């Protein structure tokens, strides 16, 4: 099996400067020494396409993606000096699959290339947490045997979103709006 890495951004650090956005207004817009709430999230997904056969005659019924995921979300408070107030860094993902056209194919991995991150002043009610979930889900059902014409790069993002929406209830601190698809 040949795996194809899809192109990713130039930033290769987990928390790089490339996608960082600073607020020009909001909780503060100058150097401030205070308690900051830092939110960081990371995703690793491994999947394999599985064929389901009919029990009556053994013919192909449908196929689907059997997905194993690990999601980490950390929210911590840090007392430090920072500039420009609130910060947002988009959570970007890379697809490595056995399909050269950018589709999901028969198997692959979806990994964080830049962790999603936000920073803002701590508010009343904020709590620190460190959550990790690991699980399995089924997504991307297709009728009959696997057909590469149904599996195109045009529908890859929606299937990845299906994966995210399936694990989201298990880790409510995960912020879907940070994920850049």
C-alpha atoms as a PDB file:
ATOM      1  CA  UNK A   1       0.000   0.000   0.000  1.00  0.00           C
ATOM      2  CA  UNK A   2       1.316   3.439  -0.946  1.00  0.00           C
ATOM      3  CA  UNK A   3       0.417   6.363   1.296  1.00  0.00           C
ATOM      4  CA  UNK A   4       0.277   9.861  -0.119  1.00  0.00           C
ATOM      5  CA  UNK A   5       0.859  12.904   2.081  1.00  0.00           C
ATOM      6  CA  UNK A   6      -1.297  15.809   1.030  1.00  0.00           C
ATOM      7  CA  UNK A   7       0.390  19.235   0.937  1.00  0.00           C
ATOM      8  CA  UNK A   8       0.220  21.233   4.154  1.00  0.00           C
ATOM      9  CA  UNK A   9       1.114  24.771   5.133  1.00  0.00           C
ATOM     10  CA  UNK A  10       4.705  25.924   5.545  1.00  0.00           C
ATOM     11  CA  UNK A  11       4.408  25.969   9.332  1.00  0.00           C
ATOM     12  CA  UNK A  12       5.697  22.762  10.830  1.00  0.00           C
ATOM     13  CA  UNK A  13       5.472  23.664  14.507  1.00  0.00           C
ATOM     14  CA  UNK A  14       2.599  22.473  16.673  1.00  0.00           C
ATOM     15  CA  UNK A  15       1.926  26.069  17.685  1.00  0.00           C
ATOM     16  CA  UNK A  16       3.334  28.155  14.859  1.00  0.00           C
ATOM     17  CA  UNK A  17       3.137  31.859  14.220  1.00  0.00           C
ATOM     18  CA  UNK A  18       1.689  31.523  10.714  1.00  0.00           C
ATOM     19  CA  UNK A  19      -2.009  31.283  11.600  1.00  0.00           C
ATOM     20  CA  UNK A  20      -2.059  33.390  14.756  1.00  0.00           C
ATOM     21  CA  UNK A  21      -4.606  36.199  14.908  1.00  0.00           C
ATOM     22  CA  UNK A  22      -4.465  38.897  17.561  1.00  0.00           C
ATOM     23  CA  UNK A  23      -7.501  40.872  18.622  1.00  0.00           C
ATOM     24  CA  UNK A  24      -7.325  44.624  18.144  1.00  0.00           C
ATOM     25  CA  UNK A  25     -10.074  45.094  20.714  1.00  0.00           C
ATOM     26  CA  UNK A  26     -11.782  42.970  23.325  1.00  0.00           C
ATOM     27  CA  UNK A  27     -10.646  42.137  26.827  1.00  0.00           C
ATOM     28  CA  UNK A  28      -7.406  44.093  26.393  1.00  0.00           C
ATOM     29  CA  UNK A  29      -5.360  45.621  23.582  1.00  0.00           C
ATOM     30  CA  UNK A  30      -2.074  46.416  25.330  1.00  0.00           C
ATOM     31  CA  UNK A  31       0.608  44.622  27.315  1.00  0.00           C
ATOM     32  CA  UNK A  32      -1.120  43.143  30.340  1.00  0.00           C
ATOM     33  CA  UNK A  33       0.069  41.030  33.231  1.00  0.00           C
ATOM     34  CA  UNK A  34      -2.926  38.963  34.319  1.00  0.00           C
ATOM     35  CA  UNK A  35      -4.347  35.455  34.509  1.00  0.00           C
ATOM     36  CA  UNK A  36      -4.776  34.152  30.959  1.00  0.00           C
ATOM     37  CA  UNK A  37      -6.971  31.222  29.926  1.00  0.00           C
ATOM     38  CA  UNK A  38      -5.135  29.126  27.331  1.00  0.00           C
ATOM     39  CA  UNK A  39      -7.107  26.542  25.314  1.00  0.00           C
ATOM     40  CA  UNK A  40      -5.163  24.050  23.144  1.00  0.00           C
ATOM     41  CA  UNK A  41      -6.623  21.132  21.158  1.00  0.00           C
ATOM     42  CA  UNK A  42      -5.111  18.291  19.145  1.00  0.00           C
ATOM     43  CA  UNK A  43      -6.580  15.466  17.025  1.00  0.00           C
ATOM     44  CA  UNK A  44      -5.251  12.160  15.673  1.00  0.00           C
ATOM     45  CA  UNK A  45      -7.513  10.008  13.517  1.00  0.00           C
ATOM     46  CA  UNK A  46      -6.754   6.636  11.936  1.00  0.00           C
ATOM     47  CA  UNK A  47      -9.266   4.993   9.617  1.00  0.00           C
ATOM     48  CA  UNK A  48      -9.777   1.975   7.393  1.00  0.00           C
ATOM     49  CA  UNK A  49     -12.510   1.247   4.863  1.00  0.00           C
ATOM     50  CA  UNK A  50     -14.536  -1.875   5.702  1.00  0.00           C
ATOM     51  CA  UNK A  51     -16.889  -3.823   3.455  1.00  0.00           C
ATOM     52  CA  UNK A  52     -20.144  -5.105   4.987  1.00  0.00           C
ATOM     53  CA  UNK A  53     -21.620  -8.242   3.408  1.00  0.00           C
ATOM     54  CA  UNK A  54     -25.265  -9.350   3.372  1.00  0.00           C
ATOM     55  CA  UNK A  55     -25.940 -12.256   5.718  1.00  0.00           C
ATOM     56  CA  UNK A  56     -28.418 -13.941   3.362  1.00  0.00           C
ATOM     57  CA  UNK A  57     -26.283 -14.376   0.253  1.00  0.00           C
ATOM     58  CA  UNK A  58     -22.800 -13.034   1.087  1.00  0.00           C
ATOM     59  CA  UNK A  59     -22.878 -10.259  -1.524  1.00  0.00           C
ATOM     60  CA  UNK A  60     -21.592  -6.767  -0.765  1.00  0.00           C
ATOM     61  CA  UNK A  61     -24.169  -4.630   1.040  1.00  0.00           C
ATOM     62  CA  UNK A  62     -22.259  -1.402   1.801  1.00  0.00           C
ATOM     63  CA  UNK A  63     -18.879  -0.045   2.936  1.00  0.00           C
ATOM     64  CA  UNK A  64     -17.887   2.432   5.611  1.00  0.00           C
ATOM     65  CA  UNK A  65     -14.931   3.998   7.396  1.00  0.00           C
ATOM     66  CA  UNK A  66     -13.996   2.412  10.721  1.00  0.00           C
ATOM     67  CA  UNK A  67     -12.407   5.324  12.575  1.00  0.00           C
ATOM     68  CA  UNK A  68     -10.209   5.344  15.670  1.00  0.00           C
ATOM     69  CA  UNK A  69      -9.574   8.765  17.189  1.00  0.00           C
ATOM     70  CA  UNK A  70      -7.608  10.414  19.977  1.00  0.00           C
ATOM     71  CA  UNK A  71      -8.539  13.959  20.960  1.00  0.00           C
ATOM     72  CA  UNK A  72      -6.752  16.118  23.545  1.00  0.00           C
ATOM     73  CA  UNK A  73      -8.079  19.393  24.926  1.00  0.00           C
ATOM     74  CA  UNK A  74      -6.262  21.389  27.592  1.00  0.00           C
ATOM     75  CA  UNK A  75      -7.567  24.535  29.258  1.00  0.00           C
ATOM     76  CA  UNK A  76      -5.187  26.102  31.735  1.00  0.00           C
ATOM     77  CA  UNK A  77      -4.715  29.404  33.492  1.00  0.00           C
ATOM     78  CA  UNK A  78      -1.349  31.117  33.431  1.00  0.00           C
ATOM     79  CA  UNK A  79      -0.275  34.335  35.099  1.00  0.00           C
ATOM     80  CA  UNK A  80       1.987  36.196  32.700  1.00  0.00           C
ATOM     81  CA  UNK A  81       2.475  39.298  30.600  1.00  0.00           C
ATOM     82  CA  UNK A  82       1.173  39.176  27.042  1.00  0.00           C
ATOM     83  CA  UNK A  83       0.577  41.687  24.267  1.00  0.00           C
ATOM     84  CA  UNK A  84      -2.436  42.368  22.060  1.00  0.00           C
ATOM     85  CA  UNK A  85      -5.089  40.717  24.190  1.00  0.00           C
ATOM     86  CA  UNK A  86      -7.070  37.779  22.880  1.00  0.00           C
ATOM     87  CA  UNK A  87      -5.365  35.317  20.519  1.00  0.00           C
ATOM     88  CA  UNK A  88      -6.702  32.728  18.125  1.00  0.00           C
ATOM     89  CA  UNK A  89      -4.803  30.103  16.144  1.00  0.00           C
ATOM     90  CA  UNK A  90      -6.708  27.915  13.690  1.00  0.00           C
ATOM     91  CA  UNK A  91      -6.572  24.147  14.135  1.00  0.00           C
ATOM     92  CA  UNK A  92      -5.253  22.726  10.859  1.00  0.00           C
ATOM     93  CA  UNK A  93      -5.223  19.069   9.856  1.00  0.00           C
ATOM     94  CA  UNK A  94      -3.272  17.030   7.294  1.00  0.00           C
ATOM     95  CA  UNK A  95      -4.532  13.959   5.457  1.00  0.00           C
ATOM     96  CA  UNK A  96      -2.195  11.063   4.713  1.00  0.00           C
ATOM     97  CA  UNK A  97      -4.034   8.421   2.677  1.00  0.00           C
ATOM     98  CA  UNK A  98      -3.582   5.699   0.096  1.00  0.00           C
ATOM     99  CA  UNK A  99      -5.464   7.863  -2.431  1.00  0.00           C
ATOM    100  CA  UNK A 100      -3.249  10.197  -4.476  1.00  0.00           C
ATOM    101  CA  UNK A 101      -6.072  12.599  -5.411  1.00  0.00           C
ATOM    102  CA  UNK A 102      -6.776  13.955  -1.921  1.00  0.00           C
ATOM    103  CA  UNK A 103      -9.681  11.642  -1.162  1.00  0.00           C
ATOM    104  CA  UNK A 104      -9.867   9.400   1.896  1.00  0.00           C
ATOM    105  CA  UNK A 105      -9.264   6.152  -0.007  1.00  0.00           C
ATOM    106  CA  UNK A 106      -9.077   2.766   1.705  1.00  0.00           C
ATOM    107  CA  UNK A 107      -7.055   3.797   4.744  1.00  0.00           C
ATOM    108  CA  UNK A 108      -5.189   6.713   6.189  1.00  0.00           C
ATOM    109  CA  UNK A 109      -4.424   9.116   8.979  1.00  0.00           C
ATOM    110  CA  UNK A 110      -5.666  12.630   9.727  1.00  0.00           C
ATOM    111  CA  UNK A 111      -3.345  14.525  12.061  1.00  0.00           C
ATOM    112  CA  UNK A 112      -3.007  17.948  13.555  1.00  0.00           C
ATOM    113  CA  UNK A 113      -0.361  20.070  11.842  1.00  0.00           C
ATOM    114  CA  UNK A 114      -1.117  23.186  13.892  1.00  0.00           C
ATOM    115  CA  UNK A 115      -2.941  22.828  17.202  1.00  0.00           C
ATOM    116  CA  UNK A 116      -6.019  24.962  17.727  1.00  0.00           C
ATOM    117  CA  UNK A 117      -5.351  27.590  20.384  1.00  0.00           C
ATOM    118  CA  UNK A 118      -7.112  30.506  22.012  1.00  0.00           C
ATOM    119  CA  UNK A 119      -5.947  32.890  24.707  1.00  0.00           C
ATOM    120  CA  UNK A 120      -8.063  35.351  26.658  1.00  0.00           C
ATOM    121  CA  UNK A 121      -8.288  36.752  30.160  1.00  0.00           C
ATOM    122  CA  UNK A 122      -9.676  34.352  32.769  1.00  0.00           C
ATOM    123  CA  UNK A 123     -13.363  34.950  33.526  1.00  0.00           C
ATOM    124  CA  UNK A 124     -15.432  34.003  36.540  1.00  0.00           C
ATOM    125  CA  UNK A 125     -16.486  30.366  36.178  1.00  0.00           C
ATOM    126  CA  UNK A 126     -13.529  29.317  34.029  1.00  0.00           C
ATOM    127  CA  UNK A 127     -11.996  26.022  35.137  1.00  0.00           C
ATOM    128  CA  UNK A 128      -8.731  24.348  34.246  1.00  0.00           C
ATOM    129  CA  UNK A 129      -8.986  20.933  32.605  1.00  0.00           C
ATOM    130  CA  UNK A 130      -6.946  18.377  30.715  1.00  0.00           C
ATOM    131  CA  UNK A 131      -9.086  15.928  28.735  1.00  0.00           C
ATOM    132  CA  UNK A 132      -8.164  13.055  26.447  1.00  0.00           C
ATOM    133  CA  UNK A 133     -10.648  10.773  24.755  1.00  0.00           C
ATOM    134  CA  UNK A 134     -10.011   7.720  22.621  1.00  0.00           C
ATOM    135  CA  UNK A 135     -12.749   5.937  20.729  1.00  0.00           C
ATOM    136  CA  UNK A 136     -14.122   4.356  17.590  1.00  0.00           C
ATOM    137  CA  UNK A 137     -16.874   5.558  15.264  1.00  0.00           C
ATOM    138  CA  UNK A 138     -18.341   4.591  11.903  1.00  0.00           C
ATOM    139  CA  UNK A 139     -18.723   7.277   9.191  1.00  0.00           C
ATOM    140  CA  UNK A 140     -18.701   7.626   5.419  1.00  0.00           C
ATOM    141  CA  UNK A 141     -21.153   4.864   4.511  1.00  0.00           C
ATOM    142  CA  UNK A 142     -21.442   4.165   0.785  1.00  0.00           C
ATOM    143  CA  UNK A 143     -23.810   1.721  -0.911  1.00  0.00           C
ATOM    144  CA  UNK A 144     -22.348  -1.459  -2.416  1.00  0.00           C
ATOM    145  CA  UNK A 145     -18.646  -2.128  -2.861  1.00  0.00           C
ATOM    146  CA  UNK A 146     -16.131   0.711  -2.470  1.00  0.00           C
ATOM    147  CA  UNK A 147     -16.219   2.887  -5.571  1.00  0.00           C
ATOM    148  CA  UNK A 148     -13.492   5.495  -5.951  1.00  0.00           C
ATOM    149  CA  UNK A 149     -15.878   7.720  -7.967  1.00  0.00           C
ATOM    150  CA  UNK A 150     -17.898   8.328  -4.759  1.00  0.00           C
ATOM    151  CA  UNK A 151     -14.725   9.035  -2.793  1.00  0.00           C
ATOM    152  CA  UNK A 152     -13.454  12.374  -4.089  1.00  0.00           C
ATOM    153  CA  UNK A 153     -11.478  15.231  -2.581  1.00  0.00           C
ATOM    154  CA  UNK A 154     -14.660  17.315  -2.907  1.00  0.00           C
ATOM    155  CA  UNK A 155     -16.347  15.337  -0.116  1.00  0.00           C
ATOM    156  CA  UNK A 156     -13.283  14.694   2.082  1.00  0.00           C
ATOM    157  CA  UNK A 157     -13.875  17.742   4.298  1.00  0.00           C
ATOM    158  CA  UNK A 158     -17.522  16.854   4.943  1.00  0.00           C
ATOM    159  CA  UNK A 159     -16.544  13.316   5.993  1.00  0.00           C
ATOM    160  CA  UNK A 160     -13.842  14.695   8.314  1.00  0.00           C
ATOM    161  CA  UNK A 161     -16.472  17.054   9.767  1.00  0.00           C
ATOM    162  CA  UNK A 162     -18.729  14.004  10.312  1.00  0.00           C
ATOM    163  CA  UNK A 163     -15.880  12.419  12.297  1.00  0.00           C
ATOM    164  CA  UNK A 164     -15.439  15.548  14.412  1.00  0.00           C
ATOM    165  CA  UNK A 165     -19.174  15.925  15.047  1.00  0.00           C
ATOM    166  CA  UNK A 166     -19.362  12.253  16.100  1.00  0.00           C
ATOM    167  CA  UNK A 167     -16.697  12.604  18.816  1.00  0.00           C
ATOM    168  CA  UNK A 168     -17.659  16.151  19.890  1.00  0.00           C
ATOM    169  CA  UNK A 169     -20.331  15.029  22.431  1.00  0.00           C
ATOM    170  CA  UNK A 170     -17.648  12.976  24.243  1.00  0.00           C
ATOM    171  CA  UNK A 171     -15.400  16.014  24.750  1.00  0.00           C
ATOM    172  CA  UNK A 172     -17.518  19.166  25.028  1.00  0.00           C
ATOM    173  CA  UNK A 173     -14.485  21.436  25.522  1.00  0.00           C
ATOM    174  CA  UNK A 174     -13.357  20.705  21.924  1.00  0.00           C
ATOM    175  CA  UNK A 175     -14.031  23.831  19.868  1.00  0.00           C
ATOM    176  CA  UNK A 176     -15.212  22.888  16.367  1.00  0.00           C
ATOM    177  CA  UNK A 177     -15.061  26.538  15.247  1.00  0.00           C
ATOM    178  CA  UNK A 178     -11.249  26.415  15.565  1.00  0.00           C
ATOM    179  CA  UNK A 179     -10.907  23.605  12.984  1.00  0.00           C
ATOM    180  CA  UNK A 180      -9.970  24.787   9.522  1.00  0.00           C
ATOM    181  CA  UNK A 181     -11.200  22.317   6.889  1.00  0.00           C
END
